[in-house]
Structure formats: structure tokens, C-alpha cells
Protein backbone atom coordinates (compact mmCIF):
# COMPACT_ATOMS: atom_id res chain seq x y z
CA MET A 1 3.83 14.37 -8.47
CA LYS A 2 2.37 17.33 -6.65
CA THR A 3 1.93 17.01 -2.88
CA LYS A 4 -0.35 18.83 -0.45
CA LEU A 5 0.51 18.69 3.27
CA GLN A 6 -1.78 19.10 6.27
CA THR A 7 1.23 20.35 8.26
CA PRO A 8 4.85 21.00 7.21
CA ASP A 9 6.14 18.02 9.26
CA CYS A 10 4.13 15.59 7.06
CA MET A 11 6.54 15.91 4.12
CA PRO A 12 7.18 12.51 2.45
CA THR A 13 10.87 11.59 2.63
CA ARG A 14 13.31 8.93 1.46
CA ALA A 15 15.82 7.50 3.93
CA ASN A 16 18.24 7.07 1.01
CA PRO A 17 18.23 8.92 -2.33
CA THR A 18 17.74 5.69 -4.33
CA ASP A 19 14.88 4.25 -2.21
CA ALA A 20 11.84 3.36 -4.32
CA GLY A 21 9.32 4.40 -1.68
CA LEU A 22 8.60 7.72 -0.08
CA ASP A 23 8.07 7.27 3.67
CA LEU A 24 4.78 8.68 4.97
CA ARG A 25 4.35 9.50 8.65
CA ALA A 26 1.54 9.17 11.16
CA ARG A 27 -0.38 12.41 11.43
CA SER A 28 -1.34 11.68 15.04
CA THR A 29 -0.44 9.35 17.92
CA CYS A 30 -2.57 6.22 18.15
CA GLU A 31 -2.62 3.20 20.46
CA MET A 32 -3.20 0.07 18.39
CA PRO A 33 -5.91 -2.11 19.98
CA LEU A 34 -5.72 -5.85 19.31
CA ASN A 35 -7.51 -6.96 16.10
CA ILE A 36 -9.25 -3.61 15.52
CA ARG A 37 -8.73 -1.80 12.20
CA VAL A 38 -7.48 1.76 12.58
CA LEU A 39 -7.45 4.33 9.77
CA LEU A 40 -4.44 6.49 10.46
CA GLY A 41 -3.94 9.69 8.50
CA THR A 42 -0.61 10.61 6.95
CA GLY A 43 -1.31 14.31 6.44
CA VAL A 44 -0.43 13.92 2.75
CA SER A 45 -2.54 14.34 -0.38
CA VAL A 46 -1.01 13.81 -3.81
CA LYS A 47 -1.74 14.54 -7.44
CA ILE A 48 -0.41 11.52 -9.32
CA PRO A 49 -0.02 11.98 -13.10
CA GLN A 50 -2.36 10.01 -15.38
CA GLY A 51 -0.78 6.74 -16.45
CA TYR A 52 0.67 6.19 -12.97
CA VAL A 53 -0.67 4.70 -9.74
CA GLY A 54 0.42 5.13 -6.15
CA MET A 55 1.00 1.90 -4.24
CA LEU A 56 0.82 2.25 -0.46
CA ILE A 57 3.02 -0.44 1.08
CA PRO A 58 3.65 -1.18 4.78
CA ARG A 59 7.08 -0.49 6.22
CA SER A 60 8.81 -3.61 7.51
CA SER A 61 9.29 -1.96 10.91
CA LEU A 62 5.53 -2.27 11.51
CA SER A 63 5.52 -6.04 11.09
CA LYS A 64 8.22 -6.41 13.76
CA ARG A 65 5.65 -4.98 16.19
CA GLY A 66 2.76 -7.18 14.99
CA ILE A 67 1.12 -4.39 12.95
CA ILE A 68 -0.12 -5.11 9.42
CA MET A 69 -1.87 -3.15 6.70
CA THR A 70 -5.35 -4.66 6.47
CA ASN A 71 -5.52 -4.29 2.69
CA SER A 72 -1.92 -5.49 2.11
CA VAL A 73 -1.31 -2.82 -0.54
CA GLY A 74 -3.32 0.34 -1.01
CA VAL A 75 -4.03 1.62 -4.52
CA ILE A 76 -4.10 5.39 -5.00
CA ASP A 77 -5.54 6.30 -8.39
CA SER A 78 -4.40 9.38 -10.27
CA ASP A 79 -7.76 11.13 -9.77
CA TYR A 80 -7.87 10.74 -5.95
CA ARG A 81 -7.20 13.99 -4.10
CA GLY A 82 -7.98 13.16 -0.46
CA GLU A 83 -5.59 12.50 2.40
CA ILE A 84 -3.71 9.22 2.16
CA MET A 85 -4.86 6.99 5.00
CA ALA A 86 -3.18 3.81 6.23
CA SER A 87 -5.51 0.96 7.24
CA LEU A 88 -3.61 -0.75 10.06
CA MET A 89 -4.25 -3.54 12.58
CA TYR A 90 -2.32 -4.90 15.53
CA THR A 91 -2.43 -8.71 15.39
CA GLY A 92 -0.71 -9.49 18.70
CA GLY A 93 2.65 -10.68 19.93
CA GLN A 94 3.53 -8.02 22.50
CA LYS A 95 2.68 -7.72 26.20
CA PHE A 96 1.13 -4.31 25.67
CA ASN A 97 -0.71 -2.78 22.74
CA PRO A 98 1.84 -0.87 20.64
CA VAL A 99 1.59 2.85 20.07
CA ILE A 100 2.23 4.58 16.78
CA TYR A 101 3.52 8.05 17.52
CA GLN A 102 2.86 11.24 15.59
CA GLY A 103 5.61 11.70 13.01
CA GLU A 104 6.58 8.00 12.98
CA ARG A 105 7.18 6.53 9.51
CA ILE A 106 4.38 4.01 8.93
CA VAL A 107 3.94 3.32 5.20
CA GLN A 108 5.73 3.84 1.89
CA LEU A 109 4.30 5.41 -1.24
CA VAL A 110 5.65 3.96 -4.48
CA ILE A 111 4.59 5.55 -7.79
CA VAL A 112 4.60 3.16 -10.76
CA PRO A 113 3.49 3.42 -14.40
CA ILE A 114 0.42 1.44 -15.42
CA LEU A 115 -1.16 0.31 -18.68
CA LEU A 116 -4.81 1.26 -18.89
CA VAL A 117 -6.00 -1.76 -20.86
CA LYS A 118 -9.58 -2.17 -21.99
CA PRO A 119 -11.16 -5.60 -21.37
CA ASP A 120 -12.00 -7.35 -24.64
CA VAL A 121 -14.48 -10.18 -24.18
CA GLU A 122 -14.24 -12.95 -26.76
CA ASN A 123 -15.37 -16.53 -27.07
CA TRP A 124 -12.18 -18.58 -27.00
CA SER A 125 -11.87 -22.18 -28.08
CA GLU A 126 -10.38 -24.64 -25.56
CA ASP A 127 -7.19 -24.78 -27.65
CA GLU A 128 -6.81 -20.99 -27.60
CA TRP A 129 -7.51 -20.78 -23.86
CA ASN A 130 -5.06 -23.56 -22.94
CA ASP A 131 -2.21 -22.50 -25.24
CA THR A 132 0.33 -22.48 -22.39
CA GLN A 133 1.77 -25.26 -20.27
CA ARG A 134 0.21 -23.69 -17.20
CA GLY A 135 -3.20 -23.08 -18.78
CA THR A 136 -5.88 -22.23 -16.22
CA GLY A 137 -4.04 -23.69 -13.22
CA GLY A 138 -3.51 -21.36 -10.32
CA PHE A 139 -2.65 -21.35 -6.62
CA GLY A 140 0.35 -23.65 -6.72
CA SER A 141 -0.21 -25.08 -10.18
CA THR A 142 3.48 -24.79 -11.07
CA GLY A 143 4.33 -27.33 -8.37
CA LYS A 144 6.67 -24.95 -6.55
CA ALA A 145 6.18 -23.99 -2.95
């Protein structure tokens, strides 16, 4: 994966050599207002090889401060070349609005292989569609919490 940096201090890093995610840092300092979405730049652009996707995942340290990624996981397609931005929101729980400081690790970038399947629309019989025990049940259909 090729990487372009806005400044040298934006280099993605791993805390440990075997960590799955590359830590991305805040490009600037930002106070997090309550329940307002903030797009925070990381100063990083990437060129992900075809057949792979970048998954932008929040660092657990954010959640300890009441900060979440508004889109849960960000998808970075192989043809995107812009700066990676983190969509963050402070949901409460502290006396004062938290501050994310320039250079602070905020999100992780995980690169994973993908299968580029092509949808194939067919008319299925009820027997073909319900050929598993689960069938069309979803959202708790396995009976496990």
C-alpha cells in the first residue's frame, strides 16, 4: 500500500509489529462538542491495491472518553485517493467536552482482501430459498443473545 502524507508526523504506525491495524493520528487539535459530528483529518492518503479494502475502525481509547465513530466502520475503496477522514462524535459522560489533540492516535486502518462478486438475480423457489435451518430469519433468529 502506498501512502501520501500531508506532513511527516502523520505517518501511520503500529504500536506492536503484529498489530492488525495501522494507527492514524489527528491532523489538528479539535474540541469535541456534545452530539455534533466532526470530520477530523488524519493527514494520510493511501493507494490500496485492487482486491483489497481499507477498514477504518475506532480505537478503543476513544470510547473511554465517550467518543464514537458515527459510521461505526469506514470503508476506503481501492480507487479513493483523498485524505482519510474520521467521522467522530462525543456522546457525553464527562464534565467537560473532550479535546482530541494534534498527533493523537484516533482510528486504525486495517487492509483486508475482498471478493468482488457480481449480483446474480434469479427466481428461487421457496424450497431453494429456505434450504437452511435459519432460512430468512434475522436479528436474533438463532435464539442467542
